Amino acid sequence: MLKQNILLAFLLLGISSFSQKKTTQSYFPPALSWEQKTPAESGLNTDKINEAIAFAKSAETKNPRNMEISHYQSFGKEPFGEGIGPFSERGDPTGVIVYKGYIVASWGEPSRCDMTHSVTKSFLSSVIGVAVDQGLIKNINDMVADYVPPIELFTPGQVNRSADLIGQPQLLYPFATTHNKTLTWDHMLRQVSDWEGTLWGKPEWADRPDADASKWMNRKRNAPGTVYEYNDVRVNALALAATSVWRKPLPQILKQYIMDPIGASNTWRWTGYRNAWIVLDGQPVQSVSGGGHWGGGMFINAYDMARFGLLTLHRGNWNGKQLLSEQWVKQALTPTPAKTDYGYMNWFLNTDNKLLPSAPASAFMHVGNGNNIIYVDPEHDIVAVVRWISDMKSIDATIKKILEAINK
């Protein structure tokens, strides 16, 4: 009888343990729906959540809502600063707060597809991560040049070349210079490559140019890995290299391996520049851009951004399926020696609480101009999308109020 009671106790303990595990299992929203809870139902302080929303709305960026006009008031002043990709009119200050997988608050126009600017870089690094996970890129420390063949531009209607073009290059060799041959995928992902050249009509020195114009075209190259420089021409060179590896348009890869599995909507679009077309296996293919610099990049709604944030919070796992390997996410979250609050693009780290003093050091963000941010906080099981907020100080203040809702 004693043995039977002990066995029954163990069985009940096992059932209780299984039940407990099941109730604490992470929630992943299915496609086309997302369960919502009020802050109070989630154990959060409703007043603090409302304060966070009110503050985010009040801290709207002062830049024009027309993204083309905004461009010409900022990046358009650079050399060769003309827009060559699509721009759009943006919407109201917008956000979504996700706690333990459930939407607990939203504001603005979360279903509206707006430019997300350099958050696009996190989608670009993710399709490279999938290529590494699948063995298309053997090692992240391999030279990019070994993976990129000569590239033919798509120039419809150009059959005969005029006499003034005879003898000039007919193919792109983006990694053929002495310096560029030494660059690894890791260098490019961390923005420490100092890649040199011109792509899609934009010289790399013209992106956020040095105040000293004498250095624009003649300076000595930095050794790869030694100097961090945020540069969209180099990001676009990486996108072109990734397109060569996949032999398909990158939006198709993103859709198949990331966006469809996480249940994203079918409304996001990843665009490039009007002149960024190549011939790939006999077909015209657009090499997409890594942001909205000169137009283009990802046009996406806040809900889909939040789903991507939830994927990165769970270290690449979506409801039991590993879409990005844990090893890749670990590398993306590893500080870059030349800039310790930056991992892979565009994973901004909170190393030493420098970026967000009010958030834990383990938190990170996917950041784009505008500002567009996806805040990811594994410690508190929170993802927050905040769009069209003025500056990093305002972002930190918003996050502080959200976290105060938990630590009530």
Protein backbone atom coordinates (compact mmCIF):
# COMPACT_ATOMS: atom_id res chain seq x y z
CA MET A 1 0.00 0.00 0.00
CA LEU A 2 2.88 2.35 0.89
CA LYS A 3 4.53 1.68 -2.49
CA GLN A 4 1.25 2.42 -4.28
CA ASN A 5 0.87 5.72 -2.42
CA ILE A 6 4.45 6.71 -3.24
CA LEU A 7 3.90 5.83 -6.93
CA LEU A 8 0.64 7.81 -6.96
CA ALA A 9 2.41 10.79 -5.40
CA PHE A 10 5.10 10.69 -8.08
CA LEU A 11 2.45 10.48 -10.82
CA LEU A 12 0.55 13.44 -9.39
CA LEU A 13 3.81 15.39 -9.08
CA GLY A 14 4.61 14.63 -12.72
CA ILE A 15 1.16 15.71 -13.87
CA SER A 16 1.43 18.87 -11.80
CA SER A 17 4.88 19.58 -13.20
CA PHE A 18 3.70 18.99 -16.79
CA SER A 19 0.66 21.19 -16.22
CA GLN A 20 2.85 23.93 -14.79
CA LYS A 21 5.20 23.76 -17.78
CA LYS A 22 2.27 23.93 -20.14
CA THR A 23 0.78 27.00 -18.47
CA THR A 24 4.12 28.81 -18.52
CA GLN A 25 4.90 27.91 -22.13
CA SER A 26 5.65 30.95 -24.31
CA TYR A 27 2.84 32.25 -26.47
CA PHE A 28 3.54 32.73 -30.18
CA PRO A 29 0.82 34.49 -32.19
CA PRO A 30 -0.47 32.54 -35.19
CA ALA A 31 -0.73 34.12 -38.62
CA LEU A 32 -3.55 36.63 -39.13
CA SER A 33 -4.31 36.97 -35.41
CA TRP A 34 -2.64 38.04 -32.18
CA GLU A 35 -4.23 37.58 -28.78
CA GLN A 36 -4.44 40.74 -26.73
CA LYS A 37 -4.63 41.27 -22.99
CA THR A 38 -5.14 44.43 -21.01
CA PRO A 39 -2.17 45.56 -18.92
CA ALA A 40 -4.16 44.71 -15.77
CA GLU A 41 -4.88 41.17 -17.03
CA SER A 42 -1.13 40.77 -17.56
CA GLY A 43 -0.24 42.00 -14.09
CA LEU A 44 1.05 45.34 -15.35
CA ASN A 45 0.40 48.82 -14.03
CA THR A 46 -2.11 50.34 -16.45
CA ASP A 47 -1.29 53.93 -15.51
CA LYS A 48 2.41 53.44 -16.26
CA ILE A 49 1.64 51.88 -19.66
CA ASN A 50 -0.62 54.82 -20.47
CA GLU A 51 2.13 57.21 -19.35
CA ALA A 52 4.59 55.47 -21.68
CA ILE A 53 2.18 55.78 -24.61
CA ALA A 54 1.40 59.43 -23.89
CA PHE A 55 5.09 60.25 -23.63
CA ALA A 56 5.95 58.44 -26.89
CA LYS A 57 3.23 60.40 -28.67
CA SER A 58 4.43 63.70 -27.21
CA ALA A 59 8.02 63.00 -28.27
CA GLU A 60 7.19 62.73 -31.99
CA THR A 61 10.10 63.56 -34.26
CA LYS A 62 10.04 67.09 -35.68
CA ASN A 63 11.18 65.91 -39.13
CA PRO A 64 8.67 66.27 -42.00
CA ARG A 65 6.21 63.43 -42.44
CA ASN A 66 6.99 63.35 -46.14
CA MET A 67 10.04 61.08 -46.22
CA GLU A 68 11.34 62.55 -49.48
CA ILE A 69 11.34 66.06 -48.06
CA SER A 70 12.89 64.75 -44.85
CA HIS A 71 15.63 63.11 -46.91
CA TYR A 72 16.52 66.32 -48.74
CA GLN A 73 16.69 68.19 -45.44
CA SER A 74 19.23 65.70 -44.10
CA PHE A 75 21.02 63.09 -46.25
CA GLY A 76 20.12 64.95 -49.43
CA LYS A 77 22.72 67.57 -48.54
CA GLU A 78 25.53 65.02 -48.94
CA PRO A 79 27.53 64.72 -52.18
CA PHE A 80 25.54 62.57 -54.64
CA GLY A 81 22.64 62.82 -52.20
CA GLU A 82 19.82 62.51 -54.75
CA GLY A 83 17.10 60.04 -53.88
CA ILE A 84 17.06 56.98 -56.15
CA GLY A 85 14.55 54.77 -54.34
CA PRO A 86 10.90 55.13 -53.33
CA PHE A 87 9.89 57.36 -50.42
CA SER A 88 6.53 57.60 -48.67
CA GLU A 89 4.49 59.82 -46.40
CA ARG A 90 4.71 58.43 -42.86
CA GLY A 91 1.88 58.07 -40.37
CA ASP A 92 1.26 59.08 -36.77
CA PRO A 93 3.53 58.17 -33.85
CA THR A 94 2.89 54.46 -33.50
CA GLY A 95 3.78 51.58 -31.22
CA VAL A 96 3.03 48.09 -29.95
CA ILE A 97 3.95 46.63 -26.56
CA VAL A 98 4.22 42.84 -26.28
CA TYR A 99 4.52 41.19 -22.86
CA LYS A 100 5.04 37.43 -22.57
CA GLY A 101 3.99 37.13 -26.21
CA TYR A 102 0.66 38.95 -25.85
CA ILE A 103 -0.12 42.44 -27.10
CA VAL A 104 -0.85 44.55 -24.01
CA ALA A 105 -0.98 47.96 -25.69
CA SER A 106 -0.84 49.70 -29.05
CA TRP A 107 -1.23 53.23 -30.34
CA GLY A 108 -1.17 55.22 -33.56
CA GLU A 109 -1.44 53.23 -36.79
CA PRO A 110 0.15 49.82 -36.13
CA SER A 111 -1.30 48.29 -39.32
CA ARG A 112 0.18 51.00 -41.54
CA CYS A 113 3.16 50.08 -43.75
CA ASP A 114 5.76 52.79 -43.30
CA MET A 115 9.44 53.02 -44.12
CA THR A 116 11.41 51.48 -41.28
CA HIS A 117 14.76 52.77 -42.55
CA SER A 118 17.75 50.92 -41.04
CA VAL A 119 15.74 48.30 -39.16
CA THR A 120 15.95 46.83 -42.67
CA LYS A 121 19.57 45.97 -41.84
CA SER A 122 18.42 43.44 -39.24
CA PHE A 123 16.38 41.68 -41.91
CA LEU A 124 19.41 41.72 -44.22
CA SER A 125 21.69 40.24 -41.57
CA SER A 126 19.04 37.59 -40.89
CA VAL A 127 18.98 36.31 -44.50
CA ILE A 128 22.79 36.10 -44.28
CA GLY A 129 22.36 34.19 -41.02
CA VAL A 130 20.08 31.69 -42.76
CA ALA A 131 22.71 31.30 -45.52
CA VAL A 132 25.32 30.49 -42.87
CA ASP A 133 22.98 28.08 -41.07
CA GLN A 134 22.31 26.28 -44.37
CA GLY A 135 25.98 26.08 -45.34
CA LEU A 136 25.74 28.44 -48.31
CA ILE A 137 28.33 30.51 -46.48
CA LYS A 138 30.74 28.08 -44.89
CA ASN A 139 32.22 30.41 -42.29
CA ILE A 140 31.40 33.96 -41.28
CA ASN A 141 35.13 34.69 -41.29
CA ASP A 142 35.49 33.69 -44.95
CA MET A 143 36.42 36.39 -47.43
CA VAL A 144 33.33 37.78 -49.14
CA ALA A 145 35.26 38.04 -52.42
CA ASP A 146 35.38 34.24 -52.68
CA TYR A 147 31.57 34.14 -52.92
CA VAL A 148 30.94 36.98 -55.38
CA PRO A 149 31.39 36.43 -59.15
CA PRO A 150 31.53 39.20 -61.76
CA ILE A 151 28.07 40.80 -61.86
CA GLU A 152 26.29 41.98 -65.00
CA LEU A 153 24.14 45.09 -64.70
CA PHE A 154 20.64 44.87 -66.13
CA THR A 155 20.44 47.62 -68.74
CA PRO A 156 17.29 47.08 -70.82
CA GLY A 157 17.47 48.52 -74.31
CA GLN A 158 21.25 48.73 -74.30
CA VAL A 159 22.40 46.32 -77.01
CA ASN A 160 25.23 48.22 -78.66
CA ARG A 161 27.74 50.12 -76.54
CA SER A 162 28.62 53.61 -77.69
CA ALA A 163 32.19 54.38 -78.68
CA ASP A 164 32.87 56.35 -75.50
CA LEU A 165 32.17 53.20 -73.44
CA ILE A 166 34.56 50.91 -75.33
CA GLY A 167 37.26 49.59 -73.03
CA GLN A 168 35.39 50.48 -69.86
CA PRO A 169 34.32 47.71 -67.44
CA GLN A 170 31.12 45.92 -68.39
CA LEU A 171 30.80 43.91 -65.16
CA LEU A 172 30.74 44.79 -61.45
CA TYR A 173 33.57 43.52 -59.25
CA PRO A 174 32.57 44.87 -55.82
CA PHE A 175 35.22 42.96 -53.86
CA ALA A 176 38.14 43.00 -56.32
CA THR A 177 40.39 45.77 -54.96
CA THR A 178 43.41 44.87 -52.86
CA HIS A 179 41.65 46.11 -49.73
CA ASN A 180 38.20 44.68 -50.49
CA LYS A 181 39.64 41.22 -51.11
CA THR A 182 40.58 41.04 -47.41
CA LEU A 183 37.07 41.68 -46.09
CA THR A 184 35.11 38.95 -44.33
CA TRP A 185 31.37 38.57 -43.88
CA ASP A 186 31.91 39.39 -40.20
CA HIS A 187 33.65 42.67 -41.09
CA MET A 188 30.76 43.69 -43.33
CA LEU A 189 28.09 42.71 -40.79
CA ARG A 190 29.76 44.72 -38.04
CA GLN A 191 30.37 47.78 -40.25
CA VAL A 192 34.13 47.65 -39.63
CA SER A 193 35.16 46.83 -43.21
CA ASP A 194 36.12 50.23 -44.65
CA TRP A 195 34.97 48.79 -48.01
CA GLU A 196 35.99 51.10 -50.84
CA GLY A 197 34.17 51.84 -54.06
CA THR A 198 31.03 53.16 -55.70
CA LEU A 199 27.77 51.25 -55.94
CA TRP A 200 24.49 52.32 -57.57
CA GLY A 201 26.04 55.73 -58.27
CA LYS A 202 26.92 56.38 -54.62
CA PRO A 203 30.62 56.51 -53.55
CA GLU A 204 31.18 55.16 -50.06
CA TRP A 205 32.96 58.38 -49.03
CA ALA A 206 29.82 60.41 -49.87
CA ASP A 207 27.76 58.69 -47.14
CA ARG A 208 28.10 60.88 -44.03
CA PRO A 209 31.27 62.42 -45.54
CA ASP A 210 34.27 63.56 -43.54
CA ALA A 211 34.27 67.25 -42.70
CA ASP A 212 37.67 67.45 -44.39
CA ALA A 213 36.90 67.14 -48.12
CA SER A 214 40.56 66.42 -48.88
CA LYS A 215 40.13 63.00 -47.27
CA TRP A 216 37.12 61.93 -49.33
CA MET A 217 38.93 60.08 -52.11
CA ASN A 218 42.57 59.85 -51.06
CA ARG A 219 42.78 58.70 -47.45
CA LYS A 220 44.53 55.51 -46.42
CA ARG A 221 42.23 52.53 -45.76
CA ASN A 222 41.77 51.34 -42.18
CA ALA A 223 42.68 47.74 -41.46
CA PRO A 224 39.49 45.62 -41.44
CA GLY A 225 38.02 45.31 -37.97
CA THR A 226 39.77 48.33 -36.47
CA VAL A 227 37.36 51.20 -37.15
CA TYR A 228 33.54 51.24 -37.00
CA GLU A 229 31.79 53.41 -39.57
CA TYR A 230 28.06 53.40 -40.25
CA ASN A 231 27.85 53.41 -44.04
CA ASP A 232 24.91 52.46 -46.25
CA VAL A 233 26.93 52.05 -49.45
CA ARG A 234 28.83 49.23 -47.74
CA VAL A 235 25.59 47.75 -46.46
CA ASN A 236 24.28 47.72 -50.03
CA ALA A 237 27.48 46.00 -51.17
CA LEU A 238 26.75 43.32 -48.56
CA ALA A 239 23.19 42.96 -49.87
CA LEU A 240 24.57 42.49 -53.39
CA ALA A 241 26.97 39.82 -52.11
CA ALA A 242 24.14 38.02 -50.30
CA THR A 243 22.04 38.11 -53.49
CA SER A 244 24.92 36.40 -55.30
CA VAL A 245 25.05 33.70 -52.64
CA TRP A 246 21.31 32.97 -52.68
CA ARG A 247 20.92 33.43 -56.48
CA LYS A 248 17.46 34.78 -55.72
CA PRO A 249 15.94 38.13 -54.72
CA LEU A 250 16.48 38.59 -50.98
CA PRO A 251 12.82 39.49 -50.26
CA GLN A 252 11.85 36.02 -51.45
CA ILE A 253 14.38 34.48 -49.06
CA LEU A 254 13.18 36.61 -46.16
CA LYS A 255 9.57 35.69 -46.86
CA GLN A 256 10.25 31.95 -47.09
CA TYR A 257 12.57 31.50 -44.14
CA ILE A 258 11.57 34.23 -41.69
CA MET A 259 8.41 36.23 -42.34
CA ASP A 260 6.00 33.45 -43.33
CA PRO A 261 7.09 31.14 -40.46
CA ILE A 262 6.55 33.93 -37.87
CA GLY A 263 3.09 34.64 -39.29
CA ALA A 264 3.88 38.11 -40.64
CA SER A 265 1.33 39.79 -42.86
CA ASN A 266 1.60 39.85 -46.63
CA THR A 267 1.80 43.65 -46.70
CA TRP A 268 5.52 44.28 -46.07
CA ARG A 269 7.72 45.15 -49.04
CA TRP A 270 11.52 45.26 -49.32
CA THR A 271 12.62 47.57 -52.10
CA GLY A 272 15.87 48.73 -53.66
CA TYR A 273 16.95 51.57 -55.90
CA ARG A 274 15.67 52.18 -59.40
CA ASN A 275 19.15 51.57 -60.85
CA ALA A 276 20.07 48.56 -58.65
CA TRP A 277 19.18 45.82 -61.14
CA ILE A 278 21.43 42.95 -62.15
CA VAL A 279 21.18 39.93 -64.45
CA LEU A 280 21.03 36.74 -62.41
CA ASP A 281 20.65 33.38 -64.12
CA GLY A 282 19.15 35.11 -67.15
CA GLN A 283 16.59 37.09 -65.13
CA PRO A 284 16.51 40.74 -64.00
CA VAL A 285 16.80 40.90 -60.21
CA GLN A 286 16.78 43.95 -57.98
CA SER A 287 19.51 44.08 -55.35
CA VAL A 288 17.63 45.56 -52.39
CA SER A 289 18.98 48.24 -50.08
CA GLY A 290 19.74 47.95 -46.39
CA GLY A 291 17.78 51.03 -45.37
CA GLY A 292 16.04 54.21 -46.48
CA HIS A 293 19.19 56.21 -47.25
CA TRP A 294 18.42 57.57 -50.77
CA GLY A 295 14.99 55.90 -50.51
CA GLY A 296 13.86 52.29 -50.50
CA GLY A 297 14.42 49.66 -47.85
CA MET A 298 11.70 47.91 -45.88
CA PHE A 299 8.12 49.18 -45.82
CA ILE A 300 6.42 47.34 -42.96
CA ASN A 301 3.78 47.65 -40.25
CA ALA A 302 4.42 47.71 -36.50
CA TYR A 303 2.81 44.31 -35.87
CA ASP A 304 5.23 42.60 -38.27
CA MET A 305 8.13 44.45 -36.67
CA ALA A 306 6.95 43.16 -33.28
CA ARG A 307 6.82 39.59 -34.58
CA PHE A 308 10.42 39.89 -35.75
CA GLY A 309 11.35 41.30 -32.34
CA LEU A 310 9.67 38.34 -30.66
CA LEU A 311 11.71 35.98 -32.85
CA THR A 312 14.95 37.63 -31.75
CA LEU A 313 13.81 37.66 -28.10
CA HIS A 314 13.47 33.87 -28.34
CA ARG A 315 16.96 33.63 -29.90
CA GLY A 316 15.75 32.67 -33.35
CA ASN A 317 13.19 30.11 -32.17
CA TRP A 318 9.53 30.42 -33.17
CA ASN A 319 7.18 28.06 -31.39
CA GLY A 320 9.72 25.23 -31.35
CA LYS A 321 11.19 25.82 -34.81
CA GLN A 322 14.69 27.27 -35.01
CA LEU A 323 14.53 29.81 -37.86
CA LEU A 324 17.86 31.39 -36.97
CA SER A 325 20.36 29.24 -35.15
CA GLU A 326 21.17 30.08 -31.54
CA GLN A 327 24.79 30.35 -32.60
CA TRP A 328 23.90 33.05 -35.14
CA VAL A 329 21.91 35.04 -32.57
CA LYS A 330 24.79 34.70 -30.11
CA GLN A 331 27.15 36.15 -32.72
CA ALA A 332 24.70 38.94 -33.54
CA LEU A 333 24.65 39.86 -29.84
CA THR A 334 28.43 39.72 -29.43
CA PRO A 335 29.90 43.23 -29.06
CA THR A 336 32.07 44.54 -31.88
CA PRO A 337 35.54 45.36 -30.47
CA ALA A 338 35.65 48.70 -32.33
CA LYS A 339 32.16 49.59 -31.05
CA THR A 340 31.05 47.56 -28.07
CA ASP A 341 27.36 48.56 -28.23
CA TYR A 342 26.98 47.15 -31.75
CA GLY A 343 26.69 43.52 -32.80
CA TYR A 344 25.62 42.46 -36.26
CA MET A 345 23.67 45.07 -38.15
CA ASN A 346 21.39 46.37 -36.91
CA TRP A 347 21.52 44.79 -33.45
CA PHE A 348 22.32 47.66 -31.07
CA LEU A 349 23.45 46.36 -27.69
CA ASN A 350 22.97 47.93 -24.27
CA THR A 351 26.53 47.20 -23.21
CA ASP A 352 27.27 48.87 -19.85
CA ASN A 353 23.79 50.47 -20.12
CA LYS A 354 25.25 53.08 -22.48
CA LEU A 355 22.46 53.06 -25.04
CA LEU A 356 19.50 52.80 -22.66
CA PRO A 357 20.46 53.68 -19.06
CA SER A 358 16.99 52.69 -17.81
CA ALA A 359 17.03 49.19 -19.35
CA PRO A 360 18.95 46.06 -18.36
CA ALA A 361 22.32 45.48 -20.01
CA SER A 362 20.91 42.32 -21.63
CA ALA A 363 18.35 44.31 -23.64
CA PHE A 364 18.99 45.21 -27.28
CA MET A 365 17.33 47.11 -30.10
CA HIS A 366 16.90 47.00 -33.85
CA VAL A 367 17.19 50.68 -34.79
CA GLY A 368 16.28 52.74 -37.83
CA ASN A 369 16.17 56.43 -38.63
CA GLY A 370 12.94 58.24 -37.97
CA ASN A 371 13.25 56.97 -35.27
CA ASN A 372 12.01 53.40 -35.67
CA ILE A 373 12.99 50.95 -32.96
CA ILE A 374 12.24 47.40 -31.91
CA TYR A 375 13.14 47.10 -28.23
CA VAL A 376 13.86 43.53 -27.12
CA ASP A 377 14.15 42.69 -23.41
CA PRO A 378 14.61 38.96 -22.65
CA GLU A 379 14.97 39.65 -18.93
CA HIS A 380 11.44 41.08 -18.72
CA ASP A 381 9.94 39.14 -21.67
CA ILE A 382 9.06 42.39 -23.44
CA VAL A 383 9.13 43.53 -27.04
CA ALA A 384 8.20 47.13 -27.84
CA VAL A 385 7.95 48.77 -31.24
CA VAL A 386 8.14 52.56 -31.13
CA ARG A 387 7.93 54.55 -34.36
CA TRP A 388 8.55 58.21 -35.18
CA ILE A 389 10.02 59.19 -31.83
CA SER A 390 12.49 62.06 -31.65
CA ASP A 391 15.72 60.78 -30.11
CA MET A 392 17.46 58.16 -27.98
CA LYS A 393 16.77 60.08 -24.77
CA SER A 394 13.04 59.93 -25.49
CA ILE A 395 13.28 56.24 -26.36
CA ASP A 396 14.95 55.56 -23.01
CA ALA A 397 12.26 57.55 -21.16
CA THR A 398 9.53 55.53 -22.90
CA ILE A 399 11.19 52.23 -22.06
CA LYS A 400 11.68 53.35 -18.45
CA LYS A 401 7.93 53.91 -18.05
CA ILE A 402 7.15 50.51 -19.63
CA LEU A 403 9.53 48.77 -17.23
CA GLU A 404 8.03 50.67 -14.30
CA ALA A 405 4.72 49.04 -15.24
CA ILE A 406 6.28 45.67 -14.48
CA ASN A 407 8.21 46.69 -11.38
CA LYS A 408 5.18 48.27 -9.77
